[in-house]
């Protein structure tokens, strides 16, 4: 571990990941492309009104990432 507490093989920033979701990568990528580079509030609003079912899973993951940022940084 480095002196500042960061691991050497991780990118800086906060992340959350979801595993074992039964959906195609294409469907998830379609929704993720809608919210990429957006502010958290705007991304959450877009996910709330997106009709794909995978958007519910991505919205949960976004909420988890925000919680991780609040608690770990």
PDB file of N, CA and C in Angstrom:
ATOM      1  N   UNK A   1       0.829  -1.179   0.000  1.00  0.00           N
ATOM      2  CA  UNK A   1       0.000   0.000   0.000  1.00  0.00           C
ATOM      3  C   UNK A   1       0.874   1.244   0.000  1.00  0.00           C
ATOM      4  N   UNK A   2       0.448   2.258  -0.687  1.00  0.00           N
ATOM      5  CA  UNK A   2       1.213   3.498  -0.754  1.00  0.00           C
ATOM      6  C   UNK A   2       1.010   4.308   0.523  1.00  0.00           C
ATOM      7  N   UNK A   3       1.822   5.320   0.690  1.00  0.00           N
ATOM      8  CA  UNK A   3       1.779   6.127   1.896  1.00  0.00           C
ATOM      9  C   UNK A   3       0.459   6.868   2.065  1.00  0.00           C
ATOM     10  N   UNK A   4      -0.203   7.238   0.962  1.00  0.00           N
ATOM     11  CA  UNK A   4      -1.455   7.974   1.071  1.00  0.00           C
ATOM     12  C   UNK A   4      -2.666   7.057   1.210  1.00  0.00           C
ATOM     13  N   UNK A   5      -2.470   5.760   1.247  1.00  0.00           N
ATOM     14  CA  UNK A   5      -3.551   4.814   1.466  1.00  0.00           C
ATOM     15  C   UNK A   5      -4.206   4.299   0.196  1.00  0.00           C
ATOM     16  N   UNK A   6      -3.789   4.771  -0.973  1.00  0.00           N
ATOM     17  CA  UNK A   6      -4.390   4.335  -2.228  1.00  0.00           C
ATOM     18  C   UNK A   6      -3.674   3.087  -2.744  1.00  0.00           C
ATOM     19  N   UNK A   7      -4.425   2.208  -3.344  1.00  0.00           N
ATOM     20  CA  UNK A   7      -3.829   1.046  -3.980  1.00  0.00           C
ATOM     21  C   UNK A   7      -3.237   1.478  -5.314  1.00  0.00           C
ATOM     22  N   UNK A   8      -2.183   0.828  -5.720  1.00  0.00           N
ATOM     23  CA  UNK A   8      -1.500   1.249  -6.949  1.00  0.00           C
ATOM     24  C   UNK A   8      -2.238   0.827  -8.210  1.00  0.00           C
ATOM     25  N   UNK A   9      -3.085  -0.187  -8.137  1.00  0.00           N
ATOM     26  CA  UNK A   9      -3.719  -0.697  -9.347  1.00  0.00           C
ATOM     27  C   UNK A   9      -5.152  -0.208  -9.527  1.00  0.00           C
ATOM     28  N   UNK A  10      -5.577   0.795  -8.796  1.00  0.00           N
ATOM     29  CA  UNK A  10      -6.928   1.317  -8.930  1.00  0.00           C
ATOM     30  C   UNK A  10      -6.903   2.737  -9.445  1.00  0.00           C
ATOM     31  N   UNK A  11      -7.921   3.066 -10.217  1.00  0.00           N
ATOM     32  CA  UNK A  11      -8.066   4.446 -10.664  1.00  0.00           C
ATOM     33  C   UNK A  11      -8.579   5.291  -9.510  1.00  0.00           C
ATOM     34  N   UNK A  12      -8.229   6.575  -9.487  1.00  0.00           N
ATOM     35  CA  UNK A  12      -8.772   7.433  -8.439  1.00  0.00           C
ATOM     36  C   UNK A  12     -10.274   7.629  -8.648  1.00  0.00           C
ATOM     37  N   UNK A  13     -10.995   7.765  -7.564  1.00  0.00           N
ATOM     38  CA  UNK A  13     -12.433   7.977  -7.656  1.00  0.00           C
ATOM     39  C   UNK A  13     -13.192   6.908  -6.902  1.00  0.00           C
ATOM     40  N   UNK A  14     -14.482   6.974  -7.022  1.00  0.00           N
ATOM     41  CA  UNK A  14     -15.379   6.060  -6.318  1.00  0.00           C
ATOM     42  C   UNK A  14     -16.007   5.132  -7.331  1.00  0.00           C
ATOM     43  N   UNK A  15     -16.205   3.883  -6.938  1.00  0.00           N
ATOM     44  CA  UNK A  15     -16.854   2.957  -7.846  1.00  0.00           C
ATOM     45  C   UNK A  15     -17.748   2.002  -7.079  1.00  0.00           C
ATOM     46  N   UNK A  16     -18.711   1.484  -7.780  1.00  0.00           N
ATOM     47  CA  UNK A  16     -19.585   0.433  -7.271  1.00  0.00           C
ATOM     48  C   UNK A  16     -19.851  -0.492  -8.443  1.00  0.00           C
ATOM     49  N   UNK A  17     -20.011  -1.760  -8.172  1.00  0.00           N
ATOM     50  CA  UNK A  17     -20.284  -2.689  -9.252  1.00  0.00           C
ATOM     51  C   UNK A  17     -21.379  -3.655  -8.857  1.00  0.00           C
ATOM     52  N   UNK A  18     -22.075  -4.148  -9.857  1.00  0.00           N
ATOM     53  CA  UNK A  18     -23.170  -5.087  -9.667  1.00  0.00           C
ATOM     54  C   UNK A  18     -22.775  -6.378 -10.363  1.00  0.00           C
ATOM     55  N   UNK A  19     -23.041  -7.478  -9.708  1.00  0.00           N
ATOM     56  CA  UNK A  19     -22.709  -8.775 -10.293  1.00  0.00           C
ATOM     57  C   UNK A  19     -23.952  -9.638 -10.401  1.00  0.00           C
ATOM     58  N   UNK A  20     -23.876 -10.611 -11.257  1.00  0.00           N
ATOM     59  CA  UNK A  20     -24.913 -11.634 -11.423  1.00  0.00           C
ATOM     60  C   UNK A  20     -26.268 -11.045 -11.829  1.00  0.00           C
ATOM     61  N   UNK A  21     -26.244 -10.103 -12.746  1.00  0.00           N
ATOM     62  CA  UNK A  21     -27.474  -9.539 -13.282  1.00  0.00           C
ATOM     63  C   UNK A  21     -27.762 -10.240 -14.597  1.00  0.00           C
ATOM     64  N   UNK A  22     -28.969 -10.726 -14.736  1.00  0.00           N
ATOM     65  CA  UNK A  22     -29.322 -11.454 -15.951  1.00  0.00           C
ATOM     66  C   UNK A  22     -29.886 -10.483 -16.989  1.00  0.00           C
ATOM     67  N   UNK A  23     -28.967  -9.838 -17.662  1.00  0.00           N
ATOM     68  CA  UNK A  23     -29.322  -8.918 -18.733  1.00  0.00           C
ATOM     69  C   UNK A  23     -28.149  -8.873 -19.709  1.00  0.00           C
ATOM     70  N   UNK A  24     -28.444  -8.513 -20.922  1.00  0.00           N
ATOM     71  CA  UNK A  24     -27.358  -8.460 -21.897  1.00  0.00           C
ATOM     72  C   UNK A  24     -26.536  -7.192 -21.707  1.00  0.00           C
ATOM     73  N   UNK A  25     -25.300  -7.272 -22.103  1.00  0.00           N
ATOM     74  CA  UNK A  25     -24.409  -6.115 -22.021  1.00  0.00           C
ATOM     75  C   UNK A  25     -24.903  -5.008 -22.943  1.00  0.00           C
ATOM     76  N   UNK A  26     -25.497  -5.370 -24.061  1.00  0.00           N
ATOM     77  CA  UNK A  26     -26.011  -4.377 -25.004  1.00  0.00           C
ATOM     78  C   UNK A  26     -27.079  -3.502 -24.364  1.00  0.00           C
ATOM     79  N   UNK A  27     -28.020  -4.138 -23.647  1.00  0.00           N
ATOM     80  CA  UNK A  27     -29.093  -3.380 -22.997  1.00  0.00           C
ATOM     81  C   UNK A  27     -28.546  -2.476 -21.908  1.00  0.00           C
ATOM     82  N   UNK A  28     -27.605  -2.979 -21.139  1.00  0.00           N
ATOM     83  CA  UNK A  28     -27.007  -2.170 -20.083  1.00  0.00           C
ATOM     84  C   UNK A  28     -26.207  -1.013 -20.678  1.00  0.00           C
ATOM     85  N   UNK A  29     -25.471  -1.280 -21.737  1.00  0.00           N
ATOM     86  CA  UNK A  29     -24.656  -0.245 -22.372  1.00  0.00           C
ATOM     87  C   UNK A  29     -25.519   0.866 -22.942  1.00  0.00           C
ATOM     88  N   UNK A  30     -26.682   0.519 -23.507  1.00  0.00           N
ATOM     89  CA  UNK A  30     -27.603   1.530 -24.021  1.00  0.00           C
ATOM     90  C   UNK A  30     -27.997   2.528 -22.938  1.00  0.00           C
ATOM     91  N   UNK A  31     -28.321   2.018 -21.757  1.00  0.00           N
ATOM     92  CA  UNK A  31     -28.742   2.879 -20.646  1.00  0.00           C
ATOM     93  C   UNK A  31     -27.546   3.629 -20.077  1.00  0.00           C
ATOM     94  N   UNK A  32     -26.416   2.970 -19.930  1.00  0.00           N
ATOM     95  CA  UNK A  32     -25.232   3.628 -19.382  1.00  0.00           C
ATOM     96  C   UNK A  32     -24.754   4.763 -20.274  1.00  0.00           C
ATOM     97  N   UNK A  33     -24.914   4.613 -21.589  1.00  0.00           N
ATOM     98  CA  UNK A  33     -24.530   5.687 -22.502  1.00  0.00           C
ATOM     99  C   UNK A  33     -25.394   6.925 -22.316  1.00  0.00           C
ATOM    100  N   UNK A  34     -26.622   6.739 -21.851  1.00  0.00           N
ATOM    101  CA  UNK A  34     -27.508   7.880 -21.596  1.00  0.00           C
ATOM    102  C   UNK A  34     -27.035   8.726 -20.425  1.00  0.00           C
ATOM    103  N   UNK A  35     -26.429   8.088 -19.419  1.00  0.00           N
ATOM    104  CA  UNK A  35     -26.088   8.822 -18.193  1.00  0.00           C
ATOM    105  C   UNK A  35     -24.604   9.119 -18.056  1.00  0.00           C
ATOM    106  N   UNK A  36     -23.788   8.591 -18.951  1.00  0.00           N
ATOM    107  CA  UNK A  36     -22.347   8.817 -18.854  1.00  0.00           C
ATOM    108  C   UNK A  36     -22.038  10.307 -18.952  1.00  0.00           C
ATOM    109  N   UNK A  37     -21.135  10.803 -18.084  1.00  0.00           N
ATOM    110  CA  UNK A  37     -20.691  12.207 -18.033  1.00  0.00           C
ATOM    111  C   UNK A  37     -21.761  13.168 -17.515  1.00  0.00           C
ATOM    112  N   UNK A  38     -22.835  12.653 -16.915  1.00  0.00           N
ATOM    113  CA  UNK A  38     -23.894  13.504 -16.378  1.00  0.00           C
ATOM    114  C   UNK A  38     -23.689  13.678 -14.869  1.00  0.00           C
ATOM    115  N   UNK A  39     -24.263  14.729 -14.308  1.00  0.00           N
ATOM    116  CA  UNK A  39     -24.263  14.948 -12.863  1.00  0.00           C
ATOM    117  C   UNK A  39     -25.164  13.888 -12.230  1.00  0.00           C
ATOM    118  N   UNK A  40     -24.919  13.563 -10.978  1.00  0.00           N
ATOM    119  CA  UNK A  40     -25.636  12.469 -10.304  1.00  0.00           C
ATOM    120  C   UNK A  40     -27.146  12.691 -10.311  1.00  0.00           C
ATOM    121  N   UNK A  41     -27.584  13.892  -9.987  1.00  0.00           N
ATOM    122  CA  UNK A  41     -29.026  14.161  -9.943  1.00  0.00           C
ATOM    123  C   UNK A  41     -29.674  14.008 -11.315  1.00  0.00           C
ATOM    124  N   UNK A  42     -28.983  14.488 -12.337  1.00  0.00           N
ATOM    125  CA  UNK A  42     -29.507  14.372 -13.697  1.00  0.00           C
ATOM    126  C   UNK A  42     -29.528  12.910 -14.144  1.00  0.00           C
ATOM    127  N   UNK A  43     -28.490  12.165 -13.809  1.00  0.00           N
ATOM    128  CA  UNK A  43     -28.434  10.748 -14.173  1.00  0.00           C
ATOM    129  C   UNK A  43     -29.542   9.958 -13.481  1.00  0.00           C
ATOM    130  N   UNK A  44     -29.789  10.263 -12.217  1.00  0.00           N
ATOM    131  CA  UNK A  44     -30.852   9.568 -11.477  1.00  0.00           C
ATOM    132  C   UNK A  44     -32.215   9.867 -12.088  1.00  0.00           C
ATOM    133  N   UNK A  45     -32.419  11.093 -12.496  1.00  0.00           N
ATOM    134  CA  UNK A  45     -33.692  11.466 -13.121  1.00  0.00           C
ATOM    135  C   UNK A  45     -33.877  10.755 -14.462  1.00  0.00           C
ATOM    136  N   UNK A  46     -32.815  10.662 -15.239  1.00  0.00           N
ATOM    137  CA  UNK A  46     -32.885   9.949 -16.520  1.00  0.00           C
ATOM    138  C   UNK A  46     -33.206   8.480 -16.277  1.00  0.00           C
ATOM    139  N   UNK A  47     -32.546   7.869 -15.300  1.00  0.00           N
ATOM    140  CA  UNK A  47     -32.790   6.452 -15.003  1.00  0.00           C
ATOM    141  C   UNK A  47     -34.202   6.210 -14.498  1.00  0.00           C
ATOM    142  N   UNK A  48     -34.735   7.164 -13.778  1.00  0.00           N
ATOM    143  CA  UNK A  48     -36.082   7.018 -13.215  1.00  0.00           C
ATOM    144  C   UNK A  48     -37.124   6.894 -14.327  1.00  0.00           C
ATOM    145  N   UNK A  49     -36.901   7.575 -15.447  1.00  0.00           N
ATOM    146  CA  UNK A  49     -37.896   7.587 -16.511  1.00  0.00           C
ATOM    147  C   UNK A  49     -37.504   6.757 -17.727  1.00  0.00           C
ATOM    148  N   UNK A  50     -36.422   6.005 -17.636  1.00  0.00           N
ATOM    149  CA  UNK A  50     -36.029   5.109 -18.713  1.00  0.00           C
ATOM    150  C   UNK A  50     -36.851   3.834 -18.615  1.00  0.00           C
ATOM    151  N   UNK A  51     -37.341   3.348 -19.748  1.00  0.00           N
ATOM    152  CA  UNK A  51     -38.268   2.217 -19.732  1.00  0.00           C
ATOM    153  C   UNK A  51     -37.604   0.846 -19.659  1.00  0.00           C
ATOM    154  N   UNK A  52     -36.316   0.759 -19.890  1.00  0.00           N
ATOM    155  CA  UNK A  52     -35.632  -0.536 -19.800  1.00  0.00           C
ATOM    156  C   UNK A  52     -35.585  -1.002 -18.349  1.00  0.00           C
ATOM    157  N   UNK A  53     -35.790  -2.305 -18.127  1.00  0.00           N
ATOM    158  CA  UNK A  53     -35.760  -2.856 -16.768  1.00  0.00           C
ATOM    159  C   UNK A  53     -34.375  -2.761 -16.134  1.00  0.00           C
ATOM    160  N   UNK A  54     -33.336  -2.800 -16.944  1.00  0.00           N
ATOM    161  CA  UNK A  54     -31.976  -2.733 -16.417  1.00  0.00           C
ATOM    162  C   UNK A  54     -31.717  -1.378 -15.762  1.00  0.00           C
ATOM    163  N   UNK A  55     -32.495  -0.372 -16.102  1.00  0.00           N
ATOM    164  CA  UNK A  55     -32.288   0.954 -15.507  1.00  0.00           C
ATOM    165  C   UNK A  55     -32.528   0.934 -13.998  1.00  0.00           C
ATOM    166  N   UNK A  56     -33.398   0.041 -13.518  1.00  0.00           N
ATOM    167  CA  UNK A  56     -33.613  -0.074 -12.070  1.00  0.00           C
ATOM    168  C   UNK A  56     -32.357  -0.590 -11.372  1.00  0.00           C
ATOM    169  N   UNK A  57     -31.696  -1.543 -11.983  1.00  0.00           N
ATOM    170  CA  UNK A  57     -30.466  -2.093 -11.423  1.00  0.00           C
ATOM    171  C   UNK A  57     -29.359  -1.040 -11.442  1.00  0.00           C
ATOM    172  N   UNK A  58     -29.252  -0.312 -12.546  1.00  0.00           N
ATOM    173  CA  UNK A  58     -28.229   0.721 -12.662  1.00  0.00           C
ATOM    174  C   UNK A  58     -28.501   1.847 -11.681  1.00  0.00           C
ATOM    175  N   UNK A  59     -29.754   2.160 -11.457  1.00  0.00           N
ATOM    176  CA  UNK A  59     -30.102   3.218 -10.494  1.00  0.00           C
ATOM    177  C   UNK A  59     -29.683   2.820  -9.074  1.00  0.00           C
ATOM    178  N   UNK A  60     -29.889   1.564  -8.723  1.00  0.00           N
ATOM    179  CA  UNK A  60     -29.440   1.074  -7.416  1.00  0.00           C
ATOM    180  C   UNK A  60     -27.928   1.162  -7.286  1.00  0.00           C
ATOM    181  N   UNK A  61     -27.221   0.814  -8.349  1.00  0.00           N
ATOM    182  CA  UNK A  61     -25.767   0.875  -8.337  1.00  0.00           C
ATOM    183  C   UNK A  61     -25.284   2.316  -8.219  1.00  0.00           C
ATOM    184  N   UNK A  62     -25.960   3.239  -8.878  1.00  0.00           N
ATOM    185  CA  UNK A  62     -25.623   4.653  -8.770  1.00  0.00           C
ATOM    186  C   UNK A  62     -25.801   5.135  -7.337  1.00  0.00           C
ATOM    187  N   UNK A  63     -26.895   4.733  -6.698  1.00  0.00           N
ATOM    188  CA  UNK A  63     -27.132   5.110  -5.299  1.00  0.00           C
ATOM    189  C   UNK A  63     -26.052   4.531  -4.394  1.00  0.00           C
ATOM    190  N   UNK A  64     -25.608   3.314  -4.694  1.00  0.00           N
ATOM    191  CA  UNK A  64     -24.543   2.691  -3.918  1.00  0.00           C
ATOM    192  C   UNK A  64     -23.230   3.440  -4.079  1.00  0.00           C
ATOM    193  N   UNK A  65     -22.932   3.873  -5.301  1.00  0.00           N
ATOM    194  CA  UNK A  65     -21.708   4.624  -5.549  1.00  0.00           C
ATOM    195  C   UNK A  65     -21.728   5.962  -4.811  1.00  0.00           C
ATOM    196  N   UNK A  66     -22.887   6.606  -4.772  1.00  0.00           N
ATOM    197  CA  UNK A  66     -23.004   7.881  -4.039  1.00  0.00           C
ATOM    198  C   UNK A  66     -22.795   7.644  -2.552  1.00  0.00           C
ATOM    199  N   UNK A  67     -23.365   6.567  -2.013  1.00  0.00           N
ATOM    200  CA  UNK A  67     -23.177   6.237  -0.602  1.00  0.00           C
ATOM    201  C   UNK A  67     -21.723   5.906  -0.301  1.00  0.00           C
ATOM    202  N   UNK A  68     -21.058   5.182  -1.211  1.00  0.00           N
ATOM    203  CA  UNK A  68     -19.646   4.870  -1.032  1.00  0.00           C
ATOM    204  C   UNK A  68     -18.803   6.144  -0.999  1.00  0.00           C
ATOM    205  N   UNK A  69     -19.157   7.090  -1.862  1.00  0.00           N
ATOM    206  CA  UNK A  69     -18.416   8.355  -1.897  1.00  0.00           C
ATOM    207  C   UNK A  69     -18.596   9.125  -0.597  1.00  0.00           C
ATOM    208  N   UNK A  70     -19.803   9.110  -0.073  1.00  0.00           N
ATOM    209  CA  UNK A  70     -20.063   9.847   1.163  1.00  0.00           C
ATOM    210  C   UNK A  70     -19.357   9.221   2.361  1.00  0.00           C
ATOM    211  N   UNK A  71     -19.303   7.894   2.398  1.00  0.00           N
ATOM    212  CA  UNK A  71     -18.760   7.213   3.565  1.00  0.00           C
ATOM    213  C   UNK A  71     -17.254   6.965   3.492  1.00  0.00           C
ATOM    214  N   UNK A  72     -16.712   6.827   2.287  1.00  0.00           N
ATOM    215  CA  UNK A  72     -15.307   6.427   2.169  1.00  0.00           C
ATOM    216  C   UNK A  72     -14.356   7.539   1.746  1.00  0.00           C
ATOM    217  N   UNK A  73     -14.872   8.654   1.331  1.00  0.00           N
ATOM    218  CA  UNK A  73     -13.982   9.724   0.868  1.00  0.00           C
ATOM    219  C   UNK A  73     -14.082  10.940   1.729  1.00  0.00           C
TER     220      UNK A  73
END
